[in-house]
Amino acid sequence: MEKLEAVQKVLRFSDATREWVTKEHSIYFDDFDEHNVNDYEPGGYGDLADEVVQKGIQESILDDEDVDEFLS
């Protein structure tokens, strides 16, 4: 599973995570794209995308095996 796909899946199926990203970071579903989910420089969403994926694992929306390739 690609990282963007994982982020989108979590945001689609987790109201709590979607609200957290929106309220705490003022970032919306459509703001994530293939480039910025892998961008760890200032202004990129790499760290936030990793947190979204971790929340997805905690909520059983994603499996560890789905995301091992980019969270190593």
Protein backbone atom coordinates (compact mmCIF):
# COMPACT_ATOMS: atom_id res chain seq x y z
CA MET A 1 0.00 0.00 0.00
CA GLU A 2 1.34 3.44 -0.88
CA LYS A 3 1.66 5.99 1.91
CA LEU A 4 -0.85 8.40 0.35
CA GLU A 5 -3.36 5.57 -0.02
CA ALA A 6 -2.89 4.66 3.67
CA VAL A 7 -3.38 8.26 4.81
CA GLN A 8 -6.49 8.64 2.67
CA LYS A 9 -7.94 5.38 3.98
CA VAL A 10 -7.50 6.45 7.59
CA LEU A 11 -8.97 9.89 6.95
CA ARG A 12 -11.91 8.34 5.10
CA PHE A 13 -12.79 5.83 7.82
CA SER A 14 -11.77 7.55 11.06
CA ASP A 15 -13.87 10.51 12.10
CA ALA A 16 -11.67 11.09 15.15
CA THR A 17 -8.43 11.27 13.14
CA ARG A 18 -10.00 13.38 10.39
CA GLU A 19 -11.30 15.85 13.00
CA TRP A 20 -7.91 15.91 14.78
CA VAL A 21 -6.06 16.72 11.54
CA THR A 22 -8.60 19.37 10.62
CA LYS A 23 -8.88 21.06 14.02
CA GLU A 24 -5.29 20.78 15.24
CA HIS A 25 -3.47 21.28 11.95
CA SER A 26 -6.02 22.96 9.65
CA ILE A 27 -5.24 20.38 6.99
CA TYR A 28 -7.93 18.60 4.99
CA PHE A 29 -8.20 15.32 3.08
CA ASP A 30 -7.49 16.96 -0.28
CA ASP A 31 -4.39 18.74 1.07
CA PHE A 32 -2.46 15.46 1.16
CA ASP A 33 -0.78 14.46 -2.10
CA GLU A 34 1.87 11.98 -3.24
CA HIS A 35 4.68 14.46 -2.76
CA ASN A 36 3.90 16.09 0.58
CA VAL A 37 3.18 12.86 2.51
CA ASN A 38 6.84 11.99 1.93
CA ASP A 39 8.18 15.50 2.56
CA TYR A 40 9.77 15.86 5.99
CA GLU A 41 11.06 19.38 5.37
CA PRO A 42 9.25 22.39 6.88
CA GLY A 43 5.94 22.78 5.07
CA GLY A 44 5.75 19.10 4.18
CA TYR A 45 3.29 16.69 5.74
CA GLY A 46 5.61 13.68 6.22
CA ASP A 47 5.54 13.66 10.02
CA LEU A 48 1.80 14.33 10.14
CA ALA A 49 1.15 11.61 7.56
CA ASP A 50 3.14 9.18 9.72
CA GLU A 51 1.00 10.11 12.73
CA VAL A 52 -2.19 9.58 10.71
CA VAL A 53 -0.96 6.14 9.66
CA GLN A 54 -0.06 5.26 13.27
CA LYS A 55 -3.54 6.29 14.39
CA GLY A 56 -4.97 4.11 11.62
CA ILE A 57 -3.03 1.13 12.94
CA GLN A 58 -4.22 1.83 16.50
CA GLU A 59 -7.82 1.99 15.29
CA SER A 60 -7.40 -1.24 13.27
CA ILE A 61 -8.08 0.55 10.00
CA LEU A 62 -4.63 -0.44 8.73
CA ASP A 63 -2.52 -3.53 9.37
CA ASP A 64 1.17 -3.29 10.25
CA GLU A 65 1.98 -5.34 7.15
CA ASP A 66 0.27 -2.76 4.93
CA VAL A 67 2.59 0.02 6.03
CA ASP A 68 5.88 -1.68 6.98
CA GLU A 69 7.54 -0.56 3.75
CA PHE A 70 7.33 3.17 4.54
CA LEU A 71 7.27 3.26 8.34
CA SER A 72 10.51 1.36 8.86
